[in-house]
Amino acid sequence: WEIFRTVERQKYLVEKGSSNTMNSRHLKTDNDGKRASLACDMIDGRIYKGKKVAWGASAAGTPADEAAERKRMASEFFAAYGRIAESYGATWGGRWSSPRDQPHIQHDGKPSTTSTSISSETE
């Protein structure tokens, strides 16, 4: 998870093209200057040959059908992640057009209008 960012980290992400704003909710602080981030990114921590692997990405040489399946599964996962976040009043970056940011959710100060409970059934 990446929640709070320093200004330096945000500048780096903007320069790299991974973010397009210096007004990120990851930078927010409260009135006392304490960290009060209103955003969260779910980060894929896998490393392949010394490099970070993006969600749904496959290593070089992966068969095309396997790569397509990984991408489809990641997209389905984030669609569910976004629906759950939105049910609690958060904004999901997967609905943005540019850049589309599926791992990103943020609080915009809007109260939740629904109540959702998540359960799992076991046999």
N, C-alpha and C. Protein backbone atom coordinates (compact mmCIF):
# COMPACT_ATOMS: atom_id res chain seq x y z
N TRP A 1 0.85 -1.18 0.00
CA TRP A 1 0.00 0.00 0.00
C TRP A 1 0.88 1.23 0.00
N GLU A 2 0.48 2.22 -0.74
CA GLU A 2 1.15 3.52 -0.66
C GLU A 2 0.07 4.52 -0.27
N ILE A 3 0.26 5.14 0.88
CA ILE A 3 -0.76 6.05 1.40
C ILE A 3 -0.22 7.47 1.39
N PHE A 4 0.66 7.81 2.32
CA PHE A 4 1.21 9.17 2.36
C PHE A 4 2.46 9.25 1.48
N ARG A 5 2.59 10.34 0.76
CA ARG A 5 3.80 10.59 -0.06
C ARG A 5 4.44 11.89 0.36
N THR A 6 5.73 11.93 0.24
CA THR A 6 6.44 13.19 0.42
C THR A 6 6.29 14.00 -0.87
N VAL A 7 6.54 15.30 -0.78
CA VAL A 7 6.49 16.15 -1.97
C VAL A 7 7.53 15.67 -2.98
N GLU A 8 8.70 15.25 -2.49
CA GLU A 8 9.76 14.77 -3.38
C GLU A 8 9.30 13.54 -4.16
N ARG A 9 8.64 12.60 -3.48
CA ARG A 9 8.14 11.39 -4.15
C ARG A 9 7.09 11.76 -5.20
N GLN A 10 6.20 12.67 -4.85
CA GLN A 10 5.16 13.07 -5.79
C GLN A 10 5.77 13.75 -7.02
N LYS A 11 6.77 14.61 -6.81
CA LYS A 11 7.46 15.24 -7.95
C LYS A 11 8.07 14.19 -8.85
N TYR A 12 8.69 13.18 -8.25
CA TYR A 12 9.29 12.09 -9.02
C TYR A 12 8.23 11.38 -9.86
N LEU A 13 7.09 11.06 -9.25
CA LEU A 13 6.02 10.36 -9.97
C LEU A 13 5.45 11.20 -11.11
N VAL A 14 5.36 12.51 -10.90
CA VAL A 14 4.88 13.41 -11.97
C VAL A 14 5.90 13.44 -13.11
N GLU A 15 7.17 13.58 -12.77
CA GLU A 15 8.22 13.62 -13.80
C GLU A 15 8.27 12.32 -14.60
N LYS A 16 8.04 11.19 -13.92
CA LYS A 16 8.07 9.88 -14.54
C LYS A 16 6.80 9.61 -15.37
N GLY A 17 5.74 10.39 -15.12
CA GLY A 17 4.49 10.20 -15.83
C GLY A 17 3.51 9.27 -15.13
N SER A 18 3.86 8.83 -13.91
CA SER A 18 2.97 7.94 -13.15
C SER A 18 1.87 8.71 -12.46
N SER A 19 2.01 10.00 -12.35
CA SER A 19 0.98 10.88 -11.79
C SER A 19 0.96 12.14 -12.64
N ASN A 20 -0.18 12.81 -12.64
CA ASN A 20 -0.24 14.03 -13.44
C ASN A 20 -0.57 15.26 -12.60
N THR A 21 -0.40 15.16 -11.27
CA THR A 21 -0.73 16.31 -10.44
C THR A 21 0.19 16.42 -9.22
N MET A 22 0.41 17.65 -8.83
CA MET A 22 1.08 17.91 -7.55
C MET A 22 0.04 18.23 -6.48
N ASN A 23 -1.23 18.09 -6.82
CA ASN A 23 -2.31 18.31 -5.87
C ASN A 23 -2.89 16.96 -5.44
N SER A 24 -2.03 15.99 -5.24
CA SER A 24 -2.43 14.64 -4.90
C SER A 24 -2.98 14.56 -3.49
N ARG A 25 -4.01 13.74 -3.32
CA ARG A 25 -4.55 13.49 -1.99
C ARG A 25 -3.56 12.69 -1.14
N HIS A 26 -2.52 12.13 -1.74
CA HIS A 26 -1.48 11.44 -0.99
C HIS A 26 -0.62 12.42 -0.18
N LEU A 27 -0.68 13.70 -0.49
CA LEU A 27 0.18 14.70 0.15
C LEU A 27 -0.48 15.43 1.31
N LYS A 28 -1.74 15.17 1.56
CA LYS A 28 -2.51 15.99 2.51
C LYS A 28 -2.01 15.85 3.95
N THR A 29 -2.11 16.96 4.66
CA THR A 29 -1.80 17.01 6.09
C THR A 29 -2.95 17.70 6.81
N ASP A 30 -3.04 17.46 8.12
CA ASP A 30 -4.10 18.13 8.88
C ASP A 30 -3.63 19.52 9.30
N ASN A 31 -4.44 20.22 10.09
CA ASN A 31 -4.12 21.59 10.50
C ASN A 31 -2.85 21.69 11.34
N ASP A 32 -2.45 20.58 11.96
CA ASP A 32 -1.22 20.57 12.76
C ASP A 32 -0.01 20.12 11.96
N GLY A 33 -0.19 19.93 10.67
CA GLY A 33 0.92 19.51 9.81
C GLY A 33 1.21 18.02 9.87
N LYS A 34 0.34 17.25 10.53
CA LYS A 34 0.53 15.80 10.61
C LYS A 34 -0.02 15.15 9.35
N ARG A 35 0.56 14.02 8.99
CA ARG A 35 0.12 13.29 7.80
C ARG A 35 -1.36 12.94 7.92
N ALA A 36 -2.11 13.24 6.90
CA ALA A 36 -3.55 12.94 6.89
C ALA A 36 -3.97 12.57 5.47
N SER A 37 -3.25 11.64 4.90
CA SER A 37 -3.51 11.24 3.52
C SER A 37 -4.95 10.82 3.33
N LEU A 38 -5.52 11.20 2.20
CA LEU A 38 -6.88 10.84 1.86
C LEU A 38 -6.90 9.89 0.67
N ALA A 39 -5.75 9.27 0.37
CA ALA A 39 -5.66 8.38 -0.79
C ALA A 39 -4.86 7.13 -0.43
N CYS A 40 -5.10 6.10 -1.21
CA CYS A 40 -4.38 4.84 -1.02
C CYS A 40 -4.22 4.16 -2.37
N ASP A 41 -3.02 3.70 -2.66
CA ASP A 41 -2.76 2.91 -3.85
C ASP A 41 -2.36 1.51 -3.42
N MET A 42 -2.97 0.51 -4.02
CA MET A 42 -2.59 -0.87 -3.76
C MET A 42 -1.41 -1.17 -4.68
N ILE A 43 -0.27 -1.44 -4.11
CA ILE A 43 0.96 -1.61 -4.89
C ILE A 43 1.30 -3.10 -5.02
N ASP A 44 1.65 -3.51 -6.21
CA ASP A 44 2.10 -4.88 -6.46
C ASP A 44 3.59 -4.91 -6.13
N GLY A 45 3.96 -5.68 -5.13
CA GLY A 45 5.34 -5.70 -4.67
C GLY A 45 6.21 -6.76 -5.31
N ARG A 46 5.72 -7.42 -6.36
CA ARG A 46 6.53 -8.46 -6.97
C ARG A 46 7.74 -7.86 -7.70
N ILE A 47 8.83 -8.57 -7.61
CA ILE A 47 10.06 -8.16 -8.30
C ILE A 47 10.45 -9.28 -9.25
N TYR A 48 10.79 -8.92 -10.49
CA TYR A 48 11.25 -9.89 -11.46
C TYR A 48 12.53 -9.36 -12.08
N LYS A 49 13.60 -10.11 -11.94
CA LYS A 49 14.91 -9.72 -12.47
C LYS A 49 15.27 -8.31 -12.04
N GLY A 50 15.05 -8.01 -10.77
CA GLY A 50 15.45 -6.73 -10.19
C GLY A 50 14.53 -5.57 -10.50
N LYS A 51 13.42 -5.82 -11.21
CA LYS A 51 12.51 -4.73 -11.54
C LYS A 51 11.12 -5.03 -11.01
N LYS A 52 10.43 -3.97 -10.62
CA LYS A 52 9.07 -4.10 -10.12
C LYS A 52 8.14 -4.51 -11.25
N VAL A 53 7.21 -5.40 -10.95
CA VAL A 53 6.24 -5.89 -11.93
C VAL A 53 4.92 -5.17 -11.71
N ALA A 54 4.33 -4.66 -12.77
CA ALA A 54 3.05 -3.97 -12.68
C ALA A 54 1.90 -4.98 -12.60
N TRP A 55 0.79 -4.52 -12.02
CA TRP A 55 -0.40 -5.37 -11.93
C TRP A 55 -0.78 -5.89 -13.30
N GLY A 56 -1.01 -7.19 -13.38
CA GLY A 56 -1.48 -7.78 -14.63
C GLY A 56 -0.40 -7.96 -15.67
N ALA A 57 0.81 -7.51 -15.37
CA ALA A 57 1.90 -7.62 -16.34
C ALA A 57 2.54 -9.00 -16.24
N SER A 58 3.15 -9.42 -17.30
CA SER A 58 3.83 -10.70 -17.34
C SER A 58 5.29 -10.48 -17.71
N ALA A 59 6.12 -11.41 -17.31
CA ALA A 59 7.54 -11.34 -17.64
C ALA A 59 7.72 -11.55 -19.14
N ALA A 60 8.80 -11.01 -19.65
CA ALA A 60 9.13 -11.20 -21.07
C ALA A 60 9.14 -12.69 -21.39
N GLY A 61 8.61 -13.05 -22.51
CA GLY A 61 8.60 -14.45 -22.92
C GLY A 61 7.36 -15.21 -22.47
N THR A 62 6.48 -14.56 -21.73
CA THR A 62 5.25 -15.22 -21.30
C THR A 62 4.35 -15.42 -22.51
N PRO A 63 3.75 -16.59 -22.66
CA PRO A 63 2.84 -16.81 -23.79
C PRO A 63 1.72 -15.79 -23.80
N ALA A 64 1.30 -15.37 -25.00
CA ALA A 64 0.30 -14.31 -25.15
C ALA A 64 -1.00 -14.63 -24.43
N ASP A 65 -1.45 -15.89 -24.48
CA ASP A 65 -2.71 -16.23 -23.83
C ASP A 65 -2.60 -16.11 -22.31
N GLU A 66 -1.45 -16.48 -21.76
CA GLU A 66 -1.24 -16.34 -20.32
C GLU A 66 -1.17 -14.87 -19.93
N ALA A 67 -0.49 -14.06 -20.72
CA ALA A 67 -0.39 -12.63 -20.44
C ALA A 67 -1.77 -11.98 -20.49
N ALA A 68 -2.59 -12.35 -21.46
CA ALA A 68 -3.94 -11.80 -21.57
C ALA A 68 -4.79 -12.20 -20.37
N GLU A 69 -4.63 -13.43 -19.91
CA GLU A 69 -5.39 -13.90 -18.75
C GLU A 69 -4.99 -13.14 -17.48
N ARG A 70 -3.69 -12.91 -17.31
CA ARG A 70 -3.22 -12.14 -16.13
C ARG A 70 -3.81 -10.73 -16.15
N LYS A 71 -3.82 -10.12 -17.32
CA LYS A 71 -4.36 -8.76 -17.44
C LYS A 71 -5.86 -8.75 -17.16
N ARG A 72 -6.59 -9.75 -17.67
CA ARG A 72 -8.03 -9.84 -17.44
C ARG A 72 -8.32 -10.03 -15.95
N MET A 73 -7.56 -10.90 -15.29
CA MET A 73 -7.77 -11.16 -13.86
C MET A 73 -7.50 -9.90 -13.03
N ALA A 74 -6.45 -9.17 -13.37
CA ALA A 74 -6.15 -7.93 -12.64
C ALA A 74 -7.27 -6.93 -12.84
N SER A 75 -7.79 -6.82 -14.05
CA SER A 75 -8.87 -5.89 -14.33
C SER A 75 -10.13 -6.25 -13.55
N GLU A 76 -10.46 -7.53 -13.48
CA GLU A 76 -11.62 -7.98 -12.71
C GLU A 76 -11.43 -7.70 -11.22
N PHE A 77 -10.23 -7.96 -10.72
CA PHE A 77 -9.94 -7.71 -9.32
C PHE A 77 -10.15 -6.23 -8.99
N PHE A 78 -9.58 -5.35 -9.82
CA PHE A 78 -9.70 -3.92 -9.53
C PHE A 78 -11.10 -3.39 -9.72
N ALA A 79 -11.88 -3.98 -10.61
CA ALA A 79 -13.28 -3.57 -10.74
C ALA A 79 -14.03 -3.86 -9.44
N ALA A 80 -13.78 -5.03 -8.84
CA ALA A 80 -14.41 -5.37 -7.56
C ALA A 80 -13.89 -4.45 -6.45
N TYR A 81 -12.59 -4.21 -6.43
CA TYR A 81 -11.96 -3.30 -5.46
C TYR A 81 -12.60 -1.92 -5.55
N GLY A 82 -12.80 -1.43 -6.77
CA GLY A 82 -13.41 -0.12 -6.98
C GLY A 82 -14.86 -0.07 -6.52
N ARG A 83 -15.63 -1.13 -6.83
CA ARG A 83 -17.03 -1.16 -6.38
C ARG A 83 -17.13 -1.12 -4.86
N ILE A 84 -16.28 -1.86 -4.19
CA ILE A 84 -16.30 -1.88 -2.72
C ILE A 84 -15.92 -0.50 -2.18
N ALA A 85 -14.86 0.09 -2.71
CA ALA A 85 -14.43 1.43 -2.26
C ALA A 85 -15.55 2.45 -2.47
N GLU A 86 -16.17 2.41 -3.63
CA GLU A 86 -17.25 3.36 -3.93
C GLU A 86 -18.45 3.15 -3.01
N SER A 87 -18.70 1.91 -2.61
CA SER A 87 -19.83 1.65 -1.72
C SER A 87 -19.64 2.30 -0.36
N TYR A 88 -18.39 2.63 -0.03
CA TYR A 88 -18.08 3.34 1.22
C TYR A 88 -17.88 4.84 1.00
N GLY A 89 -18.19 5.33 -0.18
CA GLY A 89 -18.11 6.76 -0.45
C GLY A 89 -16.78 7.22 -1.02
N ALA A 90 -15.87 6.31 -1.32
CA ALA A 90 -14.57 6.69 -1.88
C ALA A 90 -14.68 6.86 -3.40
N THR A 91 -13.71 7.54 -3.97
CA THR A 91 -13.59 7.67 -5.41
C THR A 91 -12.56 6.65 -5.87
N TRP A 92 -12.87 5.96 -6.96
CA TRP A 92 -11.96 4.95 -7.51
C TRP A 92 -11.31 5.49 -8.78
N GLY A 93 -9.99 5.43 -8.82
CA GLY A 93 -9.24 5.91 -9.97
C GLY A 93 -9.45 5.12 -11.25
N GLY A 94 -10.04 3.95 -11.16
CA GLY A 94 -10.34 3.15 -12.35
C GLY A 94 -11.42 3.76 -13.22
N ARG A 95 -12.15 4.75 -12.69
CA ARG A 95 -13.18 5.44 -13.49
C ARG A 95 -12.61 6.66 -14.22
N TRP A 96 -11.39 7.04 -13.89
CA TRP A 96 -10.79 8.20 -14.55
C TRP A 96 -10.37 7.82 -15.96
N SER A 97 -10.37 8.80 -16.85
CA SER A 97 -9.97 8.50 -18.22
C SER A 97 -8.48 8.75 -18.45
N SER A 98 -7.91 9.71 -17.75
CA SER A 98 -6.50 10.01 -17.97
C SER A 98 -5.87 10.60 -16.73
N PRO A 99 -4.97 9.92 -16.09
CA PRO A 99 -4.66 8.52 -16.34
C PRO A 99 -5.66 7.62 -15.60
N ARG A 100 -5.99 6.49 -16.18
CA ARG A 100 -6.81 5.50 -15.51
C ARG A 100 -5.93 4.86 -14.45
N ASP A 101 -6.37 4.90 -13.20
CA ASP A 101 -5.52 4.50 -12.09
C ASP A 101 -6.25 3.47 -11.23
N GLN A 102 -6.33 2.23 -11.73
CA GLN A 102 -7.12 1.20 -11.06
C GLN A 102 -6.69 0.90 -9.62
N PRO A 103 -5.41 0.95 -9.26
CA PRO A 103 -5.04 0.65 -7.87
C PRO A 103 -5.33 1.79 -6.89
N HIS A 104 -5.87 2.92 -7.37
CA HIS A 104 -6.02 4.13 -6.54
C HIS A 104 -7.46 4.31 -6.04
N ILE A 105 -7.58 4.60 -4.74
CA ILE A 105 -8.85 5.05 -4.17
C ILE A 105 -8.56 6.29 -3.35
N GLN A 106 -9.56 7.16 -3.21
CA GLN A 106 -9.36 8.36 -2.40
C GLN A 106 -10.67 8.80 -1.78
N HIS A 107 -10.55 9.50 -0.67
CA HIS A 107 -11.71 10.06 0.01
C HIS A 107 -11.82 11.52 -0.40
N ASP A 108 -13.01 11.90 -0.85
CA ASP A 108 -13.24 13.28 -1.29
C ASP A 108 -14.09 14.07 -0.31
N GLY A 109 -14.26 13.53 0.88
CA GLY A 109 -15.05 14.23 1.88
C GLY A 109 -16.54 13.99 1.77
N LYS A 110 -16.94 13.12 0.83
CA LYS A 110 -18.35 12.80 0.67
C LYS A 110 -18.70 11.66 1.62
N PRO A 111 -19.83 11.77 2.32
CA PRO A 111 -20.22 10.66 3.19
C PRO A 111 -20.72 9.48 2.36
N SER A 112 -20.58 8.31 2.90
CA SER A 112 -21.09 7.11 2.24
C SER A 112 -22.60 7.14 2.26
N THR A 113 -23.20 6.74 1.14
CA THR A 113 -24.66 6.71 1.08
C THR A 113 -25.19 5.29 1.17
N THR A 114 -24.28 4.32 1.22
CA THR A 114 -24.70 2.93 1.32
C THR A 114 -23.91 2.24 2.41
N SER A 115 -24.43 1.16 2.83
CA SER A 115 -23.73 0.33 3.80
C SER A 115 -23.48 -1.01 3.16
N THR A 116 -22.26 -1.45 3.19
CA THR A 116 -21.89 -2.71 2.57
C THR A 116 -21.21 -3.59 3.60
N SER A 117 -21.60 -4.84 3.64
CA SER A 117 -20.86 -5.76 4.48
C SER A 117 -20.27 -6.81 3.56
N ILE A 118 -19.08 -7.22 3.88
CA ILE A 118 -18.37 -8.20 3.07
C ILE A 118 -18.24 -9.45 3.91
N SER A 119 -18.68 -10.55 3.38
CA SER A 119 -18.55 -11.80 4.11
C SER A 119 -18.03 -12.87 3.17
N SER A 120 -17.53 -13.91 3.74
CA SER A 120 -17.10 -15.04 2.93
C SER A 120 -17.80 -16.28 3.46
N GLU A 121 -18.18 -17.12 2.55
CA GLU A 121 -18.84 -18.35 2.96
C GLU A 121 -17.80 -19.46 2.92
N THR A 122 -17.86 -20.29 3.95
CA THR A 122 -16.97 -21.44 3.97
C THR A 122 -17.81 -22.69 4.15
N GLU A 123 -17.31 -23.79 3.66
CA GLU A 123 -18.04 -25.04 3.80
C GLU A 123 -17.54 -25.79 4.99
